[in-house]
């Protein structure tokens, strides 16, 4: 399947996908720009420009270049057999580390805690949790053919690791995540926020990587606004790890301590 031609540069920039605000062109990169360029690996140019816009209000940065792609096109041109070359941690390292983190928090609840991993792709994270004795750990990924069917029921813990940046329609994606979560329940997710020096590095920043499927790059303002639409609060627990909730259930309350500690460290460093 040939690489589709992405959307041309619009005479009027698209509205912000998070807040509907006014955006402006922030920069253009080749489709084959990947995260591995930070480690010296460069793919040959694809010759397909991808334009990124940034919102003047919430500072969300995004491209609409892939908005019209089908799931089959994503599987053919991004999440294909070569994807591991631009995300070598995807296959086992990152899922394994994340499973260890979740097990460290809640291994005592492994029989009753219902876990859903949204965007898990290859099921490695959930397989690792099941290997640790978690009775219910299932993957849901609309772009992965084997896991594209939404599981039934609500889940106490919904995880979403390195996925929000892959969503061409982040508002719809977050709405789906929320629909899967029990109330009360917890959403534990990771995504890297725009750096303080984005004005200097612009779209040269390594995380702006269409070959990885990175089409939605959040600021803290945009992230907060996206979850607030559903009555959720989002709180960082590490530089790229966050959790979102309406009300924390008692068995997840220890995460509030982690968030408080992180907040104190951030305040002290400011």
Protein backbone atom coordinates (compact mmCIF):
# COMPACT_ATOMS: atom_id res chain seq x y z
CA UNK A 1 0.00 0.00 0.00
CA UNK A 2 1.62 3.30 -1.08
CA UNK A 3 2.07 6.03 1.50
CA UNK A 4 -0.94 8.37 1.22
CA UNK A 5 -0.41 12.01 0.43
CA UNK A 6 -0.99 13.95 3.65
CA UNK A 7 -3.21 17.01 3.82
CA UNK A 8 -1.80 20.11 2.12
CA UNK A 9 -1.06 23.24 4.09
CA UNK A 10 -4.42 24.93 4.67
CA UNK A 11 -4.94 28.61 3.90
CA UNK A 12 -6.85 28.79 7.18
CA UNK A 13 -5.27 26.71 9.96
CA UNK A 14 -7.54 24.12 11.60
CA UNK A 15 -9.12 24.85 14.96
CA UNK A 16 -7.53 23.37 18.06
CA UNK A 17 -8.61 19.77 18.64
CA UNK A 18 -8.77 20.33 22.40
CA UNK A 19 -10.27 23.76 23.04
CA UNK A 20 -11.39 24.90 19.59
CA UNK A 21 -9.04 27.87 19.73
CA UNK A 22 -7.13 29.59 16.97
CA UNK A 23 -3.97 27.87 15.77
CA UNK A 24 -1.03 28.75 13.57
CA UNK A 25 1.49 26.67 11.65
CA UNK A 26 4.31 25.74 14.04
CA UNK A 27 6.50 23.82 11.62
CA UNK A 28 6.76 21.09 9.01
CA UNK A 29 8.69 17.82 9.09
CA UNK A 30 9.09 14.85 6.78
CA UNK A 31 6.83 11.87 7.47
CA UNK A 32 9.85 9.67 8.25
CA UNK A 33 11.04 11.83 11.17
CA UNK A 34 11.16 9.41 14.11
CA UNK A 35 11.98 9.40 17.81
CA UNK A 36 15.13 7.40 17.14
CA UNK A 37 16.77 10.44 15.54
CA UNK A 38 17.78 11.45 19.06
CA UNK A 39 19.96 8.30 19.05
CA UNK A 40 21.41 8.94 15.62
CA UNK A 41 19.15 6.68 13.55
CA UNK A 42 17.68 8.51 10.55
CA UNK A 43 15.34 7.05 8.00
CA UNK A 44 15.56 8.23 4.38
CA UNK A 45 13.09 11.04 3.68
CA UNK A 46 9.66 9.90 2.57
CA UNK A 47 9.11 13.11 0.63
CA UNK A 48 5.75 13.63 2.35
CA UNK A 49 5.44 16.83 4.42
CA UNK A 50 3.60 16.78 7.75
CA UNK A 51 2.47 20.15 9.09
CA UNK A 52 2.11 20.77 12.84
CA UNK A 53 -0.06 23.53 14.27
CA UNK A 54 -0.11 25.02 17.78
CA UNK A 55 -3.01 26.56 19.65
CA UNK A 56 -2.65 30.14 20.86
CA UNK A 57 -4.90 29.43 23.85
CA UNK A 58 -4.07 26.00 25.34
CA UNK A 59 -0.78 25.46 23.43
CA UNK A 60 -1.80 22.03 22.16
CA UNK A 61 0.32 21.05 19.13
CA UNK A 62 -0.99 18.67 16.49
CA UNK A 63 -1.08 17.69 12.86
CA UNK A 64 -4.20 16.99 10.83
CA UNK A 65 -2.15 15.18 8.19
CA UNK A 66 -3.35 11.72 9.23
CA UNK A 67 -6.90 12.64 10.22
CA UNK A 68 -8.42 10.85 7.21
CA UNK A 69 -6.36 7.68 7.46
CA UNK A 70 -8.09 4.35 7.92
CA UNK A 71 -7.01 1.79 10.51
CA UNK A 72 -5.54 -0.25 7.65
CA UNK A 73 -3.38 2.70 6.56
CA UNK A 74 -2.07 3.18 10.10
CA UNK A 75 -1.19 -0.50 10.28
CA UNK A 76 0.48 -0.40 6.87
CA UNK A 77 2.56 2.76 7.28
CA UNK A 78 3.14 3.24 11.02
CA UNK A 79 2.28 0.19 13.15
CA UNK A 80 3.86 -2.28 10.76
CA UNK A 81 6.64 -4.86 11.04
CA UNK A 82 9.23 -2.06 11.02
CA UNK A 83 7.70 -0.11 13.91
CA UNK A 84 10.17 -1.57 16.41
CA UNK A 85 12.98 0.24 14.54
CA UNK A 86 11.55 3.63 15.56
CA UNK A 87 10.34 2.47 19.00
CA UNK A 88 12.62 -0.35 20.17
CA UNK A 89 11.18 -0.29 23.72
CA UNK A 90 7.68 -1.06 22.44
CA UNK A 91 7.93 -4.84 22.16
CA UNK A 92 8.88 -5.82 25.70
CA UNK A 93 10.97 -3.33 27.69
CA UNK A 94 8.36 -0.62 28.25
CA UNK A 95 5.45 -3.04 28.81
CA UNK A 96 7.56 -5.01 31.26
CA UNK A 97 8.59 -1.93 33.23
CA UNK A 98 5.03 -0.66 33.35
CA UNK A 99 3.73 -4.04 34.51
CA UNK A 100 6.28 -4.09 37.32
CA UNK A 101 5.17 -0.60 38.37
CA UNK A 102 1.49 -1.55 38.45
CA UNK A 103 2.22 -4.81 40.28
CA UNK A 104 4.28 -2.93 42.87
CA UNK A 105 1.30 -0.69 43.59
CA UNK A 106 -1.53 -3.23 43.55
CA UNK A 107 -0.29 -6.81 43.61
CA UNK A 108 -2.40 -7.43 46.72
CA UNK A 109 -5.47 -6.65 44.62
CA UNK A 110 -4.52 -8.86 41.69
CA UNK A 111 -7.58 -11.11 42.04
CA UNK A 112 -10.25 -8.42 42.15
CA UNK A 113 -8.78 -5.44 40.26
CA UNK A 114 -10.11 -5.24 36.69
CA UNK A 115 -7.42 -3.75 34.44
CA UNK A 116 -7.83 -2.50 30.88
CA UNK A 117 -4.86 -1.33 28.83
CA UNK A 118 -5.94 1.11 26.12
CA UNK A 119 -3.60 1.31 23.14
CA UNK A 120 -1.59 -1.68 24.30
CA UNK A 121 -0.93 -2.90 20.78
CA UNK A 122 0.80 -6.24 21.28
CA UNK A 123 -0.77 -7.20 24.67
CA UNK A 124 2.71 -7.47 26.24
CA UNK A 125 1.78 -5.30 29.24
CA UNK A 126 -1.35 -7.27 30.06
CA UNK A 127 0.40 -10.57 29.45
CA UNK A 128 3.03 -9.52 31.99
CA UNK A 129 0.31 -8.61 34.51
CA UNK A 130 -1.46 -11.91 33.97
CA UNK A 131 1.88 -13.62 34.51
CA UNK A 132 2.05 -11.86 37.88
CA UNK A 133 -1.33 -13.27 38.85
CA UNK A 134 -3.69 -10.46 37.85
CA UNK A 135 -6.98 -12.19 37.09
CA UNK A 136 -8.35 -9.55 34.70
CA UNK A 137 -5.93 -7.66 32.46
CA UNK A 138 -7.11 -7.10 28.90
CA UNK A 139 -5.91 -5.04 25.95
CA UNK A 140 -8.07 -2.73 23.86
CA UNK A 141 -6.46 -1.05 20.87
CA UNK A 142 -8.65 0.07 17.95
CA UNK A 143 -5.59 0.09 15.66
CA UNK A 144 -4.41 -3.42 16.52
CA UNK A 145 -6.44 -5.99 14.60
CA UNK A 146 -6.23 -8.64 17.34
CA UNK A 147 -7.42 -6.26 20.08
CA UNK A 148 -9.70 -3.84 18.24
CA UNK A 149 -12.92 -5.09 19.85
CA UNK A 150 -13.85 -3.16 22.96
CA UNK A 151 -14.11 -5.43 26.02
CA UNK A 152 -17.39 -5.47 27.89
CA UNK A 153 -17.90 -3.88 31.28
CA UNK A 154 -16.13 -1.21 33.29
CA UNK A 155 -12.60 -1.38 34.65
CA UNK A 156 -11.19 -0.28 38.00
CA UNK A 157 -7.87 0.67 36.44
CA UNK A 158 -7.46 1.83 32.85
CA UNK A 159 -3.86 2.21 31.73
CA UNK A 160 -2.79 4.15 28.68
CA UNK A 161 0.96 4.20 28.21
CA UNK A 162 2.49 6.34 25.44
CA UNK A 163 -0.82 6.44 23.58
CA UNK A 164 -2.40 9.91 23.84
CA UNK A 165 0.22 11.35 21.50
CA UNK A 166 -0.86 8.79 18.88
CA UNK A 167 -4.50 9.87 18.77
CA UNK A 168 -5.53 11.86 15.65
CA UNK A 169 -8.75 12.72 17.51
CA UNK A 170 -7.58 13.06 21.11
CA UNK A 171 -10.94 14.29 22.41
CA UNK A 172 -12.71 11.19 21.07
CA UNK A 173 -9.92 8.92 22.32
CA UNK A 174 -10.06 10.31 25.85
CA UNK A 175 -13.86 10.01 25.79
CA UNK A 176 -13.50 6.32 24.93
CA UNK A 177 -11.01 5.82 27.75
CA UNK A 178 -13.39 7.47 30.20
CA UNK A 179 -16.27 5.26 29.01
CA UNK A 180 -14.21 2.19 29.88
CA UNK A 181 -13.43 3.32 33.43
CA UNK A 182 -15.48 2.45 36.48
CA UNK A 183 -16.65 5.30 38.69
CA UNK A 184 -14.87 5.56 41.01
CA UNK A 185 -11.82 4.30 39.19
CA UNK A 186 -8.40 5.39 38.00
CA UNK A 187 -6.78 6.11 34.66
CA UNK A 188 -3.00 5.80 34.76
CA UNK A 189 -1.31 7.11 31.63
CA UNK A 190 1.94 8.41 30.24
CA UNK A 191 2.69 11.01 27.62
CA UNK A 192 5.56 13.46 27.35
CA UNK A 193 4.54 17.10 27.66
CA UNK A 194 6.04 19.91 25.63
CA UNK A 195 9.41 21.04 27.07
CA UNK A 196 10.06 24.48 28.51
CA UNK A 197 12.35 25.29 25.57
CA UNK A 198 9.92 24.29 22.82
CA UNK A 199 10.13 27.82 21.41
CA UNK A 200 13.82 27.15 20.78
CA UNK A 201 13.71 23.60 19.40
CA UNK A 202 10.30 23.78 17.68
CA UNK A 203 9.33 20.76 15.62
CA UNK A 204 12.96 19.62 15.70
CA UNK A 205 12.14 18.28 19.19
CA UNK A 206 12.64 14.52 19.04
CA UNK A 207 9.12 13.70 20.27
CA UNK A 208 7.56 15.36 17.22
CA UNK A 209 7.74 12.19 15.14
CA UNK A 210 5.09 11.30 12.58
CA UNK A 211 6.79 7.98 11.74
CA UNK A 212 6.11 6.98 15.34
CA UNK A 213 2.52 8.16 15.00
CA UNK A 214 3.06 11.16 17.28
CA UNK A 215 0.33 13.46 16.02
CA UNK A 216 -0.90 15.06 19.29
CA UNK A 217 1.64 16.82 21.50
CA UNK A 218 0.19 18.08 24.77
CA UNK A 219 0.95 21.05 26.95
CA UNK A 220 -0.12 20.87 30.59
CA UNK A 221 -2.94 23.32 29.84
CA UNK A 222 -4.25 21.18 27.00
CA UNK A 223 -3.99 18.00 29.05
CA UNK A 224 -5.92 19.54 31.93
CA UNK A 225 -8.62 20.88 29.59
CA UNK A 226 -9.04 17.55 27.80
CA UNK A 227 -9.78 15.67 31.03
CA UNK A 228 -11.85 18.42 32.60
CA UNK A 229 -14.42 18.00 29.82
CA UNK A 230 -15.31 14.69 31.48
CA UNK A 231 -15.17 15.94 35.05
CA UNK A 232 -11.75 14.40 35.57
CA UNK A 233 -8.77 15.82 37.39
CA UNK A 234 -5.32 14.92 36.06
CA UNK A 235 -2.25 14.91 38.29
CA UNK A 236 1.38 14.13 37.41
CA UNK A 237 3.23 11.53 39.47
CA UNK A 238 6.42 11.60 37.39
CA UNK A 239 7.64 13.88 34.58
CA UNK A 240 5.76 11.85 31.95
CA UNK A 241 3.39 9.76 34.08
CA UNK A 242 -0.04 10.98 35.15
CA UNK A 243 -3.27 9.75 36.59
CA UNK A 244 -6.79 10.98 35.99
CA UNK A 245 -9.88 10.46 38.12
CA UNK A 246 -13.19 11.92 39.25
CA UNK A 247 -12.82 10.54 42.76
CA UNK A 248 -10.12 8.21 43.93
CA UNK A 249 -11.42 4.89 45.26
CA UNK A 250 -9.92 3.98 48.66
CA UNK A 251 -7.69 1.21 47.30
CA UNK A 252 -5.98 3.68 44.94
CA UNK A 253 -5.50 6.47 47.46
CA UNK A 254 -1.76 5.86 47.81
CA UNK A 255 -1.31 7.53 44.44
CA UNK A 256 -2.43 10.81 45.97
CA UNK A 257 0.67 10.66 48.17
CA UNK A 258 2.84 10.13 45.09
CA UNK A 259 1.23 13.11 43.38
CA UNK A 260 1.62 15.30 46.45
CA UNK A 261 5.29 14.39 46.74
CA UNK A 262 5.86 15.09 43.05
CA UNK A 263 4.10 18.43 43.37
CA UNK A 264 6.31 19.43 46.29
CA UNK A 265 9.44 18.54 44.31
CA UNK A 266 8.25 20.58 41.33
CA UNK A 267 7.46 23.55 43.55
CA UNK A 268 10.87 23.37 45.20
CA UNK A 269 12.63 23.26 41.83
CA UNK A 270 10.70 26.25 40.45
